[in-house]
N, C-alpha and C. Protein backbone atom coordinates (compact mmCIF):
# COMPACT_ATOMS: atom_id res chain seq x y z
N UNK A 1 13.63 59.27 -10.95
CA UNK A 1 14.01 60.62 -11.33
C UNK A 1 14.27 61.41 -10.07
N UNK A 2 15.38 62.14 -10.03
CA UNK A 2 15.74 62.94 -8.89
C UNK A 2 15.76 64.40 -9.30
N UNK A 3 15.20 65.26 -8.47
CA UNK A 3 15.21 66.69 -8.73
C UNK A 3 15.70 67.41 -7.48
N UNK A 4 15.87 68.71 -7.58
CA UNK A 4 16.27 69.50 -6.42
C UNK A 4 15.12 70.40 -6.01
N UNK A 5 14.88 70.43 -4.69
CA UNK A 5 13.91 71.35 -4.13
C UNK A 5 14.47 72.76 -4.22
N UNK A 6 13.66 73.76 -3.96
CA UNK A 6 14.10 75.14 -3.96
C UNK A 6 15.20 75.39 -2.94
N UNK A 7 15.25 74.60 -1.87
CA UNK A 7 16.29 74.78 -0.86
C UNK A 7 17.53 73.94 -1.16
N UNK A 8 17.58 73.32 -2.32
CA UNK A 8 18.75 72.56 -2.72
C UNK A 8 18.71 71.08 -2.37
N UNK A 9 17.70 70.63 -1.60
CA UNK A 9 17.62 69.22 -1.24
C UNK A 9 17.28 68.40 -2.47
N UNK A 10 17.88 67.23 -2.55
CA UNK A 10 17.57 66.31 -3.63
C UNK A 10 16.40 65.44 -3.20
N UNK A 11 15.43 65.33 -4.05
CA UNK A 11 14.26 64.50 -3.76
C UNK A 11 13.91 63.68 -4.98
N UNK A 12 13.26 62.56 -4.71
CA UNK A 12 12.80 61.72 -5.80
C UNK A 12 11.43 62.16 -6.26
N UNK A 13 10.81 61.29 -7.02
CA UNK A 13 9.48 61.58 -7.57
C UNK A 13 8.45 61.90 -6.51
N UNK A 14 8.62 61.32 -5.32
CA UNK A 14 7.60 61.49 -4.29
C UNK A 14 7.53 62.91 -3.78
N UNK A 15 8.52 63.74 -4.04
CA UNK A 15 8.47 65.12 -3.60
C UNK A 15 8.97 65.30 -2.18
N UNK A 16 9.71 64.38 -1.65
CA UNK A 16 10.24 64.53 -0.30
C UNK A 16 9.28 64.03 0.76
N UNK A 17 9.47 64.47 2.00
CA UNK A 17 8.66 63.96 3.10
C UNK A 17 7.16 64.17 2.90
N UNK A 18 6.77 65.34 2.39
CA UNK A 18 5.34 65.60 2.18
C UNK A 18 4.77 64.64 1.14
N UNK A 19 5.51 64.42 0.05
CA UNK A 19 5.04 63.51 -0.99
C UNK A 19 4.95 62.08 -0.48
N UNK A 20 5.93 61.65 0.31
CA UNK A 20 5.89 60.29 0.87
C UNK A 20 4.71 60.15 1.82
N UNK A 21 4.47 61.18 2.63
CA UNK A 21 3.34 61.15 3.58
C UNK A 21 2.03 61.06 2.81
N UNK A 22 1.91 61.86 1.75
CA UNK A 22 0.69 61.82 0.93
C UNK A 22 0.52 60.46 0.28
N UNK A 23 1.61 59.91 -0.25
CA UNK A 23 1.54 58.59 -0.88
C UNK A 23 1.14 57.53 0.14
N UNK A 24 1.68 57.63 1.35
CA UNK A 24 1.33 56.68 2.41
C UNK A 24 -0.16 56.78 2.75
N UNK A 25 -0.65 58.01 2.92
CA UNK A 25 -2.07 58.19 3.26
C UNK A 25 -2.97 57.70 2.14
N UNK A 26 -2.56 57.91 0.89
CA UNK A 26 -3.36 57.41 -0.23
C UNK A 26 -3.37 55.88 -0.25
N UNK A 27 -2.23 55.27 0.08
CA UNK A 27 -2.17 53.81 0.14
C UNK A 27 -3.06 53.28 1.25
N UNK A 28 -3.05 53.95 2.40
CA UNK A 28 -3.92 53.54 3.51
C UNK A 28 -5.38 53.68 3.10
N UNK A 29 -5.72 54.81 2.48
CA UNK A 29 -7.10 55.02 2.03
C UNK A 29 -7.52 53.96 1.02
N UNK A 30 -6.65 53.61 0.11
CA UNK A 30 -6.97 52.57 -0.87
C UNK A 30 -7.20 51.23 -0.18
N UNK A 31 -6.39 50.94 0.82
CA UNK A 31 -6.56 49.68 1.56
C UNK A 31 -7.87 49.68 2.32
N UNK A 32 -8.23 50.82 2.89
CA UNK A 32 -9.48 50.90 3.64
C UNK A 32 -10.70 50.70 2.75
N UNK A 33 -10.67 51.29 1.58
CA UNK A 33 -11.83 51.18 0.70
C UNK A 33 -11.89 49.82 0.02
N UNK A 34 -10.84 49.02 0.13
CA UNK A 34 -10.84 47.69 -0.48
C UNK A 34 -11.70 46.71 0.32
N UNK A 35 -11.96 47.01 1.61
CA UNK A 35 -12.77 46.12 2.42
C UNK A 35 -14.23 46.26 2.05
N UNK A 36 -14.95 45.17 1.80
CA UNK A 36 -16.39 45.28 1.65
C UNK A 36 -17.02 45.62 2.99
N UNK A 37 -18.28 45.99 2.99
CA UNK A 37 -18.94 46.49 4.19
C UNK A 37 -18.84 45.55 5.38
N UNK A 38 -18.94 44.27 5.18
CA UNK A 38 -18.94 43.35 6.32
C UNK A 38 -17.75 42.40 6.28
N UNK A 39 -16.62 42.91 5.89
CA UNK A 39 -15.43 42.07 5.81
C UNK A 39 -14.97 41.66 7.20
N UNK A 40 -14.51 40.44 7.31
CA UNK A 40 -13.92 39.98 8.57
C UNK A 40 -12.57 40.64 8.70
N UNK A 41 -12.30 41.16 9.83
CA UNK A 41 -11.01 41.76 10.14
C UNK A 41 -10.91 41.81 11.64
N UNK A 42 -9.73 41.95 12.15
CA UNK A 42 -9.59 42.02 13.59
C UNK A 42 -9.78 40.65 14.22
N UNK A 43 -10.20 40.66 15.48
CA UNK A 43 -10.42 39.41 16.20
C UNK A 43 -11.52 38.59 15.55
N UNK A 44 -11.40 37.30 15.63
CA UNK A 44 -12.41 36.40 15.05
C UNK A 44 -13.71 36.46 15.84
N UNK A 45 -14.82 36.26 15.15
CA UNK A 45 -16.13 36.20 15.80
C UNK A 45 -16.08 35.10 16.86
N UNK A 46 -16.60 35.42 18.05
CA UNK A 46 -16.62 34.47 19.15
C UNK A 46 -15.42 34.57 20.08
N UNK A 47 -14.42 35.37 19.69
CA UNK A 47 -13.24 35.56 20.54
C UNK A 47 -13.59 36.43 21.74
N UNK A 48 -13.12 36.03 22.91
CA UNK A 48 -13.29 36.87 24.10
C UNK A 48 -12.26 37.99 24.04
N UNK A 49 -12.73 39.20 24.23
CA UNK A 49 -11.85 40.36 24.15
C UNK A 49 -11.11 40.52 25.48
N UNK A 50 -9.81 40.60 25.41
CA UNK A 50 -9.00 40.85 26.60
C UNK A 50 -9.16 42.32 27.00
N UNK A 51 -9.48 42.60 28.26
CA UNK A 51 -9.62 44.00 28.67
C UNK A 51 -8.30 44.74 28.51
N UNK A 52 -8.43 46.00 28.16
CA UNK A 52 -7.26 46.85 27.96
C UNK A 52 -7.59 48.22 28.55
N UNK A 53 -6.58 48.93 28.98
CA UNK A 53 -6.76 50.27 29.52
C UNK A 53 -6.20 51.26 28.51
N UNK A 54 -7.03 52.24 28.12
CA UNK A 54 -6.65 53.24 27.13
C UNK A 54 -7.05 54.61 27.68
N UNK A 55 -6.16 55.61 27.56
CA UNK A 55 -6.51 56.93 28.08
C UNK A 55 -7.45 57.70 27.17
N UNK A 56 -8.11 58.69 27.76
CA UNK A 56 -8.88 59.64 26.97
C UNK A 56 -7.97 60.83 26.65
N UNK A 57 -8.53 61.88 26.10
CA UNK A 57 -7.73 63.04 25.72
C UNK A 57 -7.11 63.77 26.91
N UNK A 58 -7.70 63.60 28.09
CA UNK A 58 -7.15 64.21 29.30
C UNK A 58 -6.20 63.28 30.02
N UNK A 59 -5.82 62.20 29.35
CA UNK A 59 -4.91 61.19 29.87
C UNK A 59 -5.49 60.44 31.08
N UNK A 60 -6.82 60.43 31.17
CA UNK A 60 -7.50 59.66 32.21
C UNK A 60 -7.74 58.25 31.67
N UNK A 61 -7.34 57.24 32.42
CA UNK A 61 -7.48 55.87 31.91
C UNK A 61 -8.93 55.40 31.86
N UNK A 62 -9.24 54.69 30.79
CA UNK A 62 -10.54 54.01 30.68
C UNK A 62 -10.23 52.52 30.58
N UNK A 63 -10.79 51.76 31.50
CA UNK A 63 -10.57 50.32 31.53
C UNK A 63 -11.75 49.63 30.84
N UNK A 64 -11.48 48.98 29.72
CA UNK A 64 -12.54 48.27 28.99
C UNK A 64 -13.21 47.22 29.86
N UNK A 65 -12.54 46.73 30.91
CA UNK A 65 -13.12 45.73 31.80
C UNK A 65 -14.37 46.26 32.50
N UNK A 66 -14.52 47.59 32.58
CA UNK A 66 -15.71 48.16 33.23
C UNK A 66 -16.97 47.97 32.40
N UNK A 67 -16.82 47.66 31.10
CA UNK A 67 -18.01 47.47 30.25
C UNK A 67 -18.05 46.11 29.57
N UNK A 68 -16.89 45.54 29.24
CA UNK A 68 -16.89 44.24 28.55
C UNK A 68 -17.47 43.16 29.45
N UNK A 69 -18.39 42.38 28.89
CA UNK A 69 -19.02 41.31 29.65
C UNK A 69 -20.18 41.79 30.51
N UNK A 70 -20.49 43.07 30.42
CA UNK A 70 -21.61 43.62 31.20
C UNK A 70 -22.79 44.03 30.31
N UNK A 71 -22.46 44.59 29.14
CA UNK A 71 -23.47 44.97 28.15
C UNK A 71 -22.78 45.02 26.80
N UNK A 72 -23.53 45.05 25.70
CA UNK A 72 -22.90 45.14 24.39
C UNK A 72 -22.09 46.43 24.25
N UNK A 73 -21.02 46.34 23.47
CA UNK A 73 -20.12 47.47 23.26
C UNK A 73 -19.83 47.60 21.77
N UNK A 74 -19.94 48.82 21.25
CA UNK A 74 -19.54 49.13 19.89
C UNK A 74 -18.24 49.91 19.99
N UNK A 75 -17.22 49.44 19.29
CA UNK A 75 -15.92 50.12 19.28
C UNK A 75 -15.61 50.50 17.84
N UNK A 76 -15.46 51.80 17.60
CA UNK A 76 -15.09 52.28 16.27
C UNK A 76 -13.68 52.86 16.34
N UNK A 77 -12.81 52.41 15.45
CA UNK A 77 -11.46 52.93 15.34
C UNK A 77 -11.51 54.04 14.29
N UNK A 78 -11.11 55.25 14.68
CA UNK A 78 -11.35 56.39 13.82
C UNK A 78 -10.19 57.39 13.87
N UNK A 79 -10.23 58.34 12.93
CA UNK A 79 -9.31 59.48 12.89
C UNK A 79 -10.06 60.66 12.27
N UNK A 80 -9.61 61.86 12.56
CA UNK A 80 -10.29 63.05 12.04
C UNK A 80 -10.24 63.11 10.51
N UNK A 81 -9.22 62.53 9.91
CA UNK A 81 -9.04 62.59 8.45
C UNK A 81 -9.72 61.42 7.73
N UNK A 82 -10.34 60.52 8.45
CA UNK A 82 -10.88 59.29 7.87
C UNK A 82 -12.26 59.54 7.23
N UNK A 83 -12.31 59.47 5.91
CA UNK A 83 -13.58 59.69 5.21
C UNK A 83 -14.57 58.55 5.46
N UNK A 84 -14.08 57.35 5.66
CA UNK A 84 -14.96 56.22 5.98
C UNK A 84 -15.61 56.46 7.35
N UNK A 85 -14.83 56.95 8.29
CA UNK A 85 -15.36 57.24 9.63
C UNK A 85 -16.45 58.30 9.55
N UNK A 86 -16.23 59.31 8.72
CA UNK A 86 -17.23 60.36 8.53
C UNK A 86 -18.50 59.77 7.92
N UNK A 87 -18.34 58.88 6.95
CA UNK A 87 -19.50 58.24 6.31
C UNK A 87 -20.26 57.36 7.30
N UNK A 88 -19.57 56.81 8.28
CA UNK A 88 -20.21 55.94 9.28
C UNK A 88 -20.96 56.73 10.37
N UNK A 89 -20.68 58.01 10.49
CA UNK A 89 -21.26 58.80 11.58
C UNK A 89 -22.79 58.75 11.62
N UNK A 90 -23.52 58.88 10.50
CA UNK A 90 -24.98 58.78 10.59
C UNK A 90 -25.45 57.42 11.13
N UNK A 91 -24.80 56.34 10.74
CA UNK A 91 -25.17 55.01 11.24
C UNK A 91 -24.87 54.89 12.73
N UNK A 92 -23.76 55.47 13.17
CA UNK A 92 -23.43 55.46 14.60
C UNK A 92 -24.46 56.27 15.38
N UNK A 93 -24.83 57.43 14.87
CA UNK A 93 -25.83 58.28 15.55
C UNK A 93 -27.18 57.55 15.63
N UNK A 94 -27.57 56.91 14.54
CA UNK A 94 -28.85 56.19 14.52
C UNK A 94 -28.83 55.02 15.51
N UNK A 95 -27.73 54.30 15.56
CA UNK A 95 -27.62 53.18 16.50
C UNK A 95 -27.65 53.68 17.94
N UNK A 96 -26.97 54.77 18.21
CA UNK A 96 -26.97 55.35 19.56
C UNK A 96 -28.38 55.80 19.93
N UNK A 97 -29.10 56.42 19.00
CA UNK A 97 -30.47 56.87 19.25
C UNK A 97 -31.39 55.68 19.52
N UNK A 98 -31.19 54.59 18.81
CA UNK A 98 -32.05 53.41 18.96
C UNK A 98 -31.74 52.63 20.23
N UNK A 99 -30.47 52.49 20.57
CA UNK A 99 -30.09 51.61 21.67
C UNK A 99 -29.69 52.33 22.95
N UNK A 100 -29.47 53.64 22.86
CA UNK A 100 -29.20 54.47 24.03
C UNK A 100 -28.22 53.87 25.01
N UNK A 101 -28.63 53.79 26.27
CA UNK A 101 -27.76 53.33 27.35
C UNK A 101 -27.64 51.81 27.43
N UNK A 102 -28.36 51.08 26.59
CA UNK A 102 -28.25 49.61 26.62
C UNK A 102 -26.96 49.12 25.97
N UNK A 103 -26.30 50.01 25.24
CA UNK A 103 -25.05 49.69 24.54
C UNK A 103 -24.03 50.77 24.87
N UNK A 104 -22.80 50.37 25.08
CA UNK A 104 -21.71 51.33 25.28
C UNK A 104 -21.08 51.63 23.92
N UNK A 105 -20.97 52.89 23.58
CA UNK A 105 -20.37 53.32 22.31
C UNK A 105 -19.02 53.96 22.62
N UNK A 106 -17.96 53.39 22.03
CA UNK A 106 -16.61 53.87 22.28
C UNK A 106 -15.93 54.15 20.95
N UNK A 107 -15.34 55.32 20.84
CA UNK A 107 -14.54 55.69 19.68
C UNK A 107 -13.08 55.68 20.09
N UNK A 108 -12.28 54.95 19.37
CA UNK A 108 -10.85 54.88 19.65
C UNK A 108 -10.11 55.66 18.56
N UNK A 109 -9.61 56.84 18.92
CA UNK A 109 -8.83 57.63 17.98
C UNK A 109 -7.47 56.98 17.86
N UNK A 110 -7.08 56.63 16.63
CA UNK A 110 -5.84 55.88 16.42
C UNK A 110 -4.60 56.75 16.46
N UNK A 111 -4.75 58.04 16.51
CA UNK A 111 -3.68 59.04 16.69
C UNK A 111 -2.68 59.13 15.55
N UNK A 112 -2.91 58.46 14.43
CA UNK A 112 -2.02 58.59 13.28
C UNK A 112 -2.27 59.97 12.66
N UNK A 113 -1.23 60.80 12.62
CA UNK A 113 -1.34 62.16 12.11
C UNK A 113 -2.41 62.95 12.86
N UNK A 114 -2.49 62.72 14.16
CA UNK A 114 -3.48 63.38 15.02
C UNK A 114 -2.76 64.02 16.20
N UNK A 115 -3.24 65.15 16.64
CA UNK A 115 -2.77 65.75 17.88
C UNK A 115 -3.98 65.86 18.80
N UNK A 116 -3.76 65.91 20.10
CA UNK A 116 -4.90 66.10 20.99
C UNK A 116 -5.72 67.35 20.63
N UNK A 117 -5.06 68.43 20.26
CA UNK A 117 -5.78 69.66 19.91
C UNK A 117 -6.67 69.44 18.68
N UNK A 118 -6.14 68.77 17.69
CA UNK A 118 -6.93 68.50 16.46
C UNK A 118 -8.14 67.62 16.79
N UNK A 119 -7.93 66.60 17.61
CA UNK A 119 -9.03 65.71 17.97
C UNK A 119 -10.07 66.46 18.80
N UNK A 120 -9.63 67.28 19.74
CA UNK A 120 -10.58 68.08 20.54
C UNK A 120 -11.44 68.97 19.65
N UNK A 121 -10.81 69.65 18.68
CA UNK A 121 -11.57 70.51 17.76
C UNK A 121 -12.62 69.69 17.01
N UNK A 122 -12.21 68.52 16.52
CA UNK A 122 -13.14 67.66 15.79
C UNK A 122 -14.32 67.26 16.69
N UNK A 123 -14.01 66.83 17.90
CA UNK A 123 -15.06 66.40 18.82
C UNK A 123 -16.03 67.53 19.13
N UNK A 124 -15.51 68.74 19.32
CA UNK A 124 -16.37 69.89 19.59
C UNK A 124 -17.27 70.22 18.39
N UNK A 125 -16.71 70.14 17.19
CA UNK A 125 -17.47 70.48 15.99
C UNK A 125 -18.49 69.41 15.61
N UNK A 126 -18.16 68.13 15.81
CA UNK A 126 -18.99 67.04 15.30
C UNK A 126 -19.77 66.29 16.36
N UNK A 127 -19.38 66.41 17.61
CA UNK A 127 -20.08 65.77 18.73
C UNK A 127 -20.48 64.31 18.41
N UNK A 128 -19.49 63.45 18.19
CA UNK A 128 -19.81 62.06 17.85
C UNK A 128 -20.52 61.35 19.01
N UNK A 129 -21.27 60.31 18.69
CA UNK A 129 -22.09 59.62 19.70
C UNK A 129 -21.33 58.57 20.50
N UNK A 130 -20.07 58.80 20.76
CA UNK A 130 -19.30 57.81 21.52
C UNK A 130 -18.37 58.47 22.52
N UNK A 131 -17.98 57.68 23.51
CA UNK A 131 -16.93 58.08 24.45
C UNK A 131 -15.64 57.99 23.65
N UNK A 132 -14.84 59.04 23.68
CA UNK A 132 -13.62 59.03 22.88
C UNK A 132 -12.40 58.66 23.71
N UNK A 133 -11.60 57.78 23.15
CA UNK A 133 -10.31 57.41 23.75
C UNK A 133 -9.21 57.81 22.77
N UNK A 134 -8.05 58.14 23.31
CA UNK A 134 -6.92 58.58 22.50
C UNK A 134 -5.82 57.54 22.63
N UNK A 135 -5.79 56.61 21.68
CA UNK A 135 -4.95 55.41 21.75
C UNK A 135 -3.53 55.67 21.29
N UNK A 136 -2.86 56.55 21.98
CA UNK A 136 -1.50 57.00 21.62
C UNK A 136 -0.51 55.85 21.54
N UNK A 137 -0.69 54.82 22.34
CA UNK A 137 0.27 53.69 22.36
C UNK A 137 -0.24 52.47 21.57
N UNK A 138 -1.43 52.57 20.99
CA UNK A 138 -1.95 51.48 20.17
C UNK A 138 -2.45 50.28 20.96
N UNK A 139 -2.75 50.44 22.24
CA UNK A 139 -3.18 49.32 23.08
C UNK A 139 -4.51 48.72 22.59
N UNK A 140 -5.49 49.56 22.29
CA UNK A 140 -6.78 49.05 21.82
C UNK A 140 -6.66 48.49 20.40
N UNK A 141 -5.86 49.14 19.57
CA UNK A 141 -5.64 48.64 18.21
C UNK A 141 -5.11 47.21 18.27
N UNK A 142 -4.15 46.97 19.16
CA UNK A 142 -3.59 45.61 19.29
C UNK A 142 -4.61 44.66 19.92
N UNK A 143 -5.31 45.10 20.96
CA UNK A 143 -6.26 44.23 21.65
C UNK A 143 -7.38 43.74 20.73
N UNK A 144 -7.84 44.62 19.83
CA UNK A 144 -8.92 44.27 18.90
C UNK A 144 -8.40 43.83 17.54
N UNK A 145 -7.07 43.91 17.36
CA UNK A 145 -6.44 43.61 16.07
C UNK A 145 -7.09 44.42 14.95
N UNK A 146 -7.32 45.70 15.23
CA UNK A 146 -7.97 46.58 14.26
C UNK A 146 -7.09 46.77 13.04
N UNK A 147 -7.59 46.44 11.86
CA UNK A 147 -6.76 46.54 10.66
C UNK A 147 -6.62 47.95 10.11
N UNK A 148 -7.57 48.85 10.44
CA UNK A 148 -7.55 50.20 9.85
C UNK A 148 -8.59 51.07 10.53
N UNK A 149 -8.57 52.36 10.19
CA UNK A 149 -9.66 53.22 10.64
C UNK A 149 -10.92 52.84 9.87
N UNK A 150 -12.06 53.19 10.43
CA UNK A 150 -13.33 52.78 9.83
C UNK A 150 -13.70 51.36 10.22
N UNK A 151 -12.87 50.74 11.05
CA UNK A 151 -13.12 49.38 11.54
C UNK A 151 -14.02 49.46 12.76
N UNK A 152 -15.04 48.60 12.78
CA UNK A 152 -15.96 48.54 13.91
C UNK A 152 -15.99 47.12 14.44
N UNK A 153 -15.94 47.02 15.77
CA UNK A 153 -16.11 45.74 16.45
C UNK A 153 -17.30 45.89 17.39
N UNK A 154 -18.17 44.90 17.37
CA UNK A 154 -19.28 44.85 18.32
C UNK A 154 -19.03 43.65 19.22
N UNK A 155 -19.01 43.93 20.51
CA UNK A 155 -18.79 42.91 21.52
C UNK A 155 -20.11 42.68 22.23
N UNK A 156 -20.54 41.42 22.31
CA UNK A 156 -21.78 41.10 22.99
C UNK A 156 -21.65 41.25 24.50
N UNK A 157 -22.77 41.15 25.18
CA UNK A 157 -22.77 41.26 26.64
C UNK A 157 -21.97 40.13 27.29
N UNK A 158 -21.69 39.08 26.52
CA UNK A 158 -20.88 37.97 27.04
C UNK A 158 -19.39 38.25 26.92
N UNK A 159 -19.01 39.42 26.36
CA UNK A 159 -17.60 39.78 26.23
C UNK A 159 -16.93 39.21 25.00
N UNK A 160 -17.72 38.61 24.11
CA UNK A 160 -17.16 37.99 22.90
C UNK A 160 -17.50 38.82 21.66
N UNK A 161 -16.57 38.80 20.71
CA UNK A 161 -16.78 39.52 19.45
C UNK A 161 -18.00 38.93 18.74
N UNK A 162 -18.97 39.80 18.42
CA UNK A 162 -20.17 39.38 17.71
C UNK A 162 -20.16 39.85 16.26
N UNK A 163 -19.37 40.88 15.97
CA UNK A 163 -19.34 41.45 14.62
C UNK A 163 -18.05 42.24 14.47
N UNK A 164 -17.46 42.18 13.30
CA UNK A 164 -16.40 43.10 12.90
C UNK A 164 -16.65 43.50 11.46
N UNK A 165 -16.30 44.72 11.12
CA UNK A 165 -16.47 45.16 9.75
C UNK A 165 -15.69 46.42 9.47
N UNK A 166 -15.44 46.65 8.22
CA UNK A 166 -14.78 47.85 7.75
C UNK A 166 -15.53 48.36 6.54
N UNK A 167 -15.46 49.64 6.35
CA UNK A 167 -16.10 50.22 5.18
C UNK A 167 -17.20 51.18 5.58
N UNK A 168 -17.64 51.99 4.64
CA UNK A 168 -18.59 53.06 4.94
C UNK A 168 -20.05 52.63 5.04
N UNK A 169 -20.40 51.42 4.63
CA UNK A 169 -21.81 51.02 4.58
C UNK A 169 -22.14 49.91 5.58
N UNK A 170 -21.67 50.04 6.79
CA UNK A 170 -21.97 49.03 7.80
C UNK A 170 -23.31 49.34 8.46
N UNK A 171 -24.15 48.35 8.63
CA UNK A 171 -25.45 48.53 9.28
C UNK A 171 -25.29 48.19 10.77
N UNK A 172 -24.84 49.14 11.51
CA UNK A 172 -24.53 48.95 12.92
C UNK A 172 -25.78 48.58 13.72
N UNK A 173 -26.89 49.24 13.45
CA UNK A 173 -28.13 48.95 14.19
C UNK A 173 -28.58 47.51 13.95
N UNK A 174 -28.50 47.04 12.71
CA UNK A 174 -28.89 45.64 12.42
C UNK A 174 -28.01 44.66 13.17
N UNK A 175 -26.72 44.95 13.23
CA UNK A 175 -25.81 44.05 13.95
C UNK A 175 -26.07 44.11 15.46
N UNK A 176 -26.42 45.29 15.97
CA UNK A 176 -26.71 45.41 17.40
C UNK A 176 -28.00 44.68 17.78
N UNK A 177 -28.98 44.67 16.87
CA UNK A 177 -30.24 43.95 17.16
C UNK A 177 -29.99 42.48 17.44
N UNK A 178 -28.90 41.94 16.89
CA UNK A 178 -28.57 40.53 17.10
C UNK A 178 -28.03 40.27 18.51
N UNK A 179 -27.51 41.30 19.17
CA UNK A 179 -26.88 41.08 20.48
C UNK A 179 -27.57 41.80 21.64
N UNK A 180 -28.49 42.71 21.34
CA UNK A 180 -29.19 43.43 22.40
C UNK A 180 -30.49 42.72 22.71
N UNK A 181 -30.68 42.42 23.97
CA UNK A 181 -31.90 41.72 24.39
C UNK A 181 -32.93 42.69 24.88
């Protein structure tokens, strides 16, 4: 079915660009919630993670090689609009409180429908327990083969993937206990 917008543009059922964007986001959200809490996704368990350089919000490079293979690392792929990411925040905070400096916590903002200003506001309001990177070019997403936001990868001190999961009910502290000595 085709209709005309108030400005005379012809649009289909989706309602034009805004409707297509909403439909796309709903499809992404449906795909994200389809993963069970400990679904395999991304790099396979036991895979050595190739170091990658990703900038922060100030465009300062962060080289994953500075932490990979030195101590365990938790990497969460997130966005300000991600409800799964919001649901994971208490588990991330609890894991950070329990493991402190023995584990590196990194948040990779995937930048889909994100601006640096929007991400800065979110970080100021919510103060997440991780170092934030702004993956504008998708380098970390490709390096970890992250399937979606709400995806978490835990890398052991040996530099190998020890855990991957998606969904709002991941027990990050339990998975970290397996790799923290």
